[in-house]
Amino acid sequence: MPFAPVSLFARLILLAALAWFARRHDPSQRAHQLFFAVIMLHAVPSLLLTLR
């Protein structure tokens, strides 16, 4: 059984929530763009660090 840290699942849930939000809301609005940027700035580096 491969080892998977719990934080990996939290990051995947965060990215899934971001994908859901991106499908439901208009990404051309400035507030939504900022929200996407904040979530991506948190999720992507931490996901890469977890996978390392």
N, C-alpha and C. Protein backbone atom coordinates (compact mmCIF):
# COMPACT_ATOMS: atom_id res chain seq x y z
N MET A 1 0.85 -1.17 0.00
CA MET A 1 0.00 0.00 0.00
C MET A 1 0.90 1.24 0.00
N PRO A 2 0.73 2.13 -0.97
CA PRO A 2 1.60 3.31 -1.03
C PRO A 2 1.26 4.30 0.08
N PHE A 3 2.29 5.01 0.50
CA PHE A 3 2.13 6.01 1.54
C PHE A 3 1.62 7.30 0.93
N ALA A 4 0.55 7.86 1.49
CA ALA A 4 0.01 9.14 1.02
C ALA A 4 -0.28 9.99 2.25
N PRO A 5 0.37 11.14 2.38
CA PRO A 5 0.11 11.99 3.54
C PRO A 5 -1.31 12.58 3.49
N VAL A 6 -1.83 12.84 4.67
CA VAL A 6 -3.18 13.37 4.79
C VAL A 6 -3.29 14.73 4.11
N SER A 7 -2.22 15.51 4.14
CA SER A 7 -2.28 16.83 3.53
C SER A 7 -2.49 16.75 2.01
N LEU A 8 -2.09 15.64 1.40
CA LEU A 8 -2.33 15.46 -0.03
C LEU A 8 -3.82 15.44 -0.32
N PHE A 9 -4.59 14.76 0.50
CA PHE A 9 -6.03 14.70 0.29
C PHE A 9 -6.68 16.06 0.50
N ALA A 10 -6.17 16.83 1.45
CA ALA A 10 -6.69 18.18 1.66
C ALA A 10 -6.42 19.06 0.44
N ARG A 11 -5.24 18.92 -0.16
CA ARG A 11 -4.91 19.71 -1.35
C ARG A 11 -5.77 19.31 -2.53
N LEU A 12 -6.00 18.01 -2.67
CA LEU A 12 -6.84 17.55 -3.78
C LEU A 12 -8.28 18.02 -3.63
N ILE A 13 -8.77 18.03 -2.40
CA ILE A 13 -10.12 18.55 -2.16
C ILE A 13 -10.17 20.03 -2.46
N LEU A 14 -9.13 20.76 -2.08
CA LEU A 14 -9.06 22.19 -2.38
C LEU A 14 -9.05 22.45 -3.88
N LEU A 15 -8.29 21.67 -4.63
CA LEU A 15 -8.26 21.83 -6.08
C LEU A 15 -9.58 21.42 -6.72
N ALA A 16 -10.24 20.41 -6.18
CA ALA A 16 -11.55 20.02 -6.69
C ALA A 16 -12.59 21.11 -6.42
N ALA A 17 -12.52 21.73 -5.26
CA ALA A 17 -13.42 22.84 -4.95
C ALA A 17 -13.16 24.03 -5.87
N LEU A 18 -11.91 24.25 -6.19
CA LEU A 18 -11.57 25.33 -7.12
C LEU A 18 -12.13 25.03 -8.51
N ALA A 19 -12.00 23.80 -8.96
CA ALA A 19 -12.55 23.42 -10.27
C ALA A 19 -14.06 23.57 -10.29
N TRP A 20 -14.71 23.18 -9.22
CA TRP A 20 -16.17 23.34 -9.12
C TRP A 20 -16.55 24.81 -9.16
N PHE A 21 -15.83 25.65 -8.42
CA PHE A 21 -16.10 27.07 -8.39
C PHE A 21 -15.87 27.69 -9.77
N ALA A 22 -14.84 27.25 -10.47
CA ALA A 22 -14.52 27.78 -11.79
C ALA A 22 -15.62 27.44 -12.80
N ARG A 23 -16.23 26.27 -12.66
CA ARG A 23 -17.31 25.90 -13.58
C ARG A 23 -18.59 26.66 -13.27
N ARG A 24 -18.83 26.98 -12.01
CA ARG A 24 -20.09 27.61 -11.60
C ARG A 24 -20.10 29.13 -11.71
N HIS A 25 -18.95 29.77 -11.66
CA HIS A 25 -18.88 31.23 -11.61
C HIS A 25 -18.15 31.78 -12.82
N ASP A 26 -18.43 33.02 -13.12
CA ASP A 26 -17.83 33.69 -14.28
C ASP A 26 -16.40 34.11 -13.96
N PRO A 27 -15.40 33.52 -14.63
CA PRO A 27 -14.01 33.86 -14.31
C PRO A 27 -13.56 35.21 -14.84
N SER A 28 -14.42 35.91 -15.58
CA SER A 28 -14.02 37.22 -16.10
C SER A 28 -14.19 38.33 -15.06
N GLN A 29 -14.91 38.08 -13.98
CA GLN A 29 -15.06 39.10 -12.93
C GLN A 29 -13.79 39.19 -12.12
N ARG A 30 -13.43 40.42 -11.75
CA ARG A 30 -12.15 40.66 -11.06
C ARG A 30 -12.09 39.94 -9.71
N ALA A 31 -13.17 39.94 -8.97
CA ALA A 31 -13.18 39.28 -7.65
C ALA A 31 -12.96 37.78 -7.79
N HIS A 32 -13.54 37.17 -8.80
CA HIS A 32 -13.35 35.74 -9.01
C HIS A 32 -11.93 35.44 -9.46
N GLN A 33 -11.34 36.31 -10.25
CA GLN A 33 -9.96 36.12 -10.67
C GLN A 33 -9.02 36.16 -9.47
N LEU A 34 -9.26 37.08 -8.56
CA LEU A 34 -8.43 37.17 -7.35
C LEU A 34 -8.61 35.94 -6.47
N PHE A 35 -9.84 35.46 -6.36
CA PHE A 35 -10.09 34.26 -5.58
C PHE A 35 -9.36 33.06 -6.18
N PHE A 36 -9.44 32.90 -7.50
CA PHE A 36 -8.72 31.82 -8.17
C PHE A 36 -7.22 31.93 -7.92
N ALA A 37 -6.70 33.14 -8.01
CA ALA A 37 -5.26 33.34 -7.82
C ALA A 37 -4.82 32.98 -6.41
N VAL A 38 -5.59 33.37 -5.42
CA VAL A 38 -5.24 33.07 -4.03
C VAL A 38 -5.26 31.56 -3.78
N ILE A 39 -6.29 30.90 -4.27
CA ILE A 39 -6.39 29.46 -4.06
C ILE A 39 -5.26 28.73 -4.80
N MET A 40 -4.98 29.15 -6.02
CA MET A 40 -3.91 28.50 -6.78
C MET A 40 -2.54 28.77 -6.16
N LEU A 41 -2.33 29.98 -5.64
CA LEU A 41 -1.05 30.28 -4.99
C LEU A 41 -0.85 29.44 -3.73
N HIS A 42 -1.92 29.00 -3.13
CA HIS A 42 -1.81 28.14 -1.95
C HIS A 42 -1.74 26.66 -2.35
N ALA A 43 -2.57 26.26 -3.28
CA ALA A 43 -2.73 24.83 -3.58
C ALA A 43 -1.57 24.24 -4.38
N VAL A 44 -1.14 24.92 -5.41
CA VAL A 44 -0.14 24.32 -6.30
C VAL A 44 1.21 24.10 -5.60
N PRO A 45 1.80 25.10 -4.95
CA PRO A 45 3.09 24.81 -4.30
C PRO A 45 2.98 23.77 -3.18
N SER A 46 1.90 23.81 -2.43
CA SER A 46 1.77 22.83 -1.35
C SER A 46 1.52 21.44 -1.91
N LEU A 47 0.83 21.34 -3.03
CA LEU A 47 0.64 20.04 -3.68
C LEU A 47 1.98 19.52 -4.18
N LEU A 48 2.78 20.37 -4.80
CA LEU A 48 4.09 19.94 -5.28
C LEU A 48 5.01 19.55 -4.13
N LEU A 49 4.91 20.26 -3.04
CA LEU A 49 5.74 19.93 -1.86
C LEU A 49 5.30 18.60 -1.26
N THR A 50 4.01 18.36 -1.24
CA THR A 50 3.49 17.09 -0.71
C THR A 50 3.91 15.92 -1.58
N LEU A 51 3.90 16.09 -2.88
CA LEU A 51 4.26 15.01 -3.79
C LEU A 51 5.76 14.74 -3.78
N ARG A 52 6.53 15.73 -3.39
CA ARG A 52 7.99 15.56 -3.33
C ARG A 52 8.31 14.59 -2.24
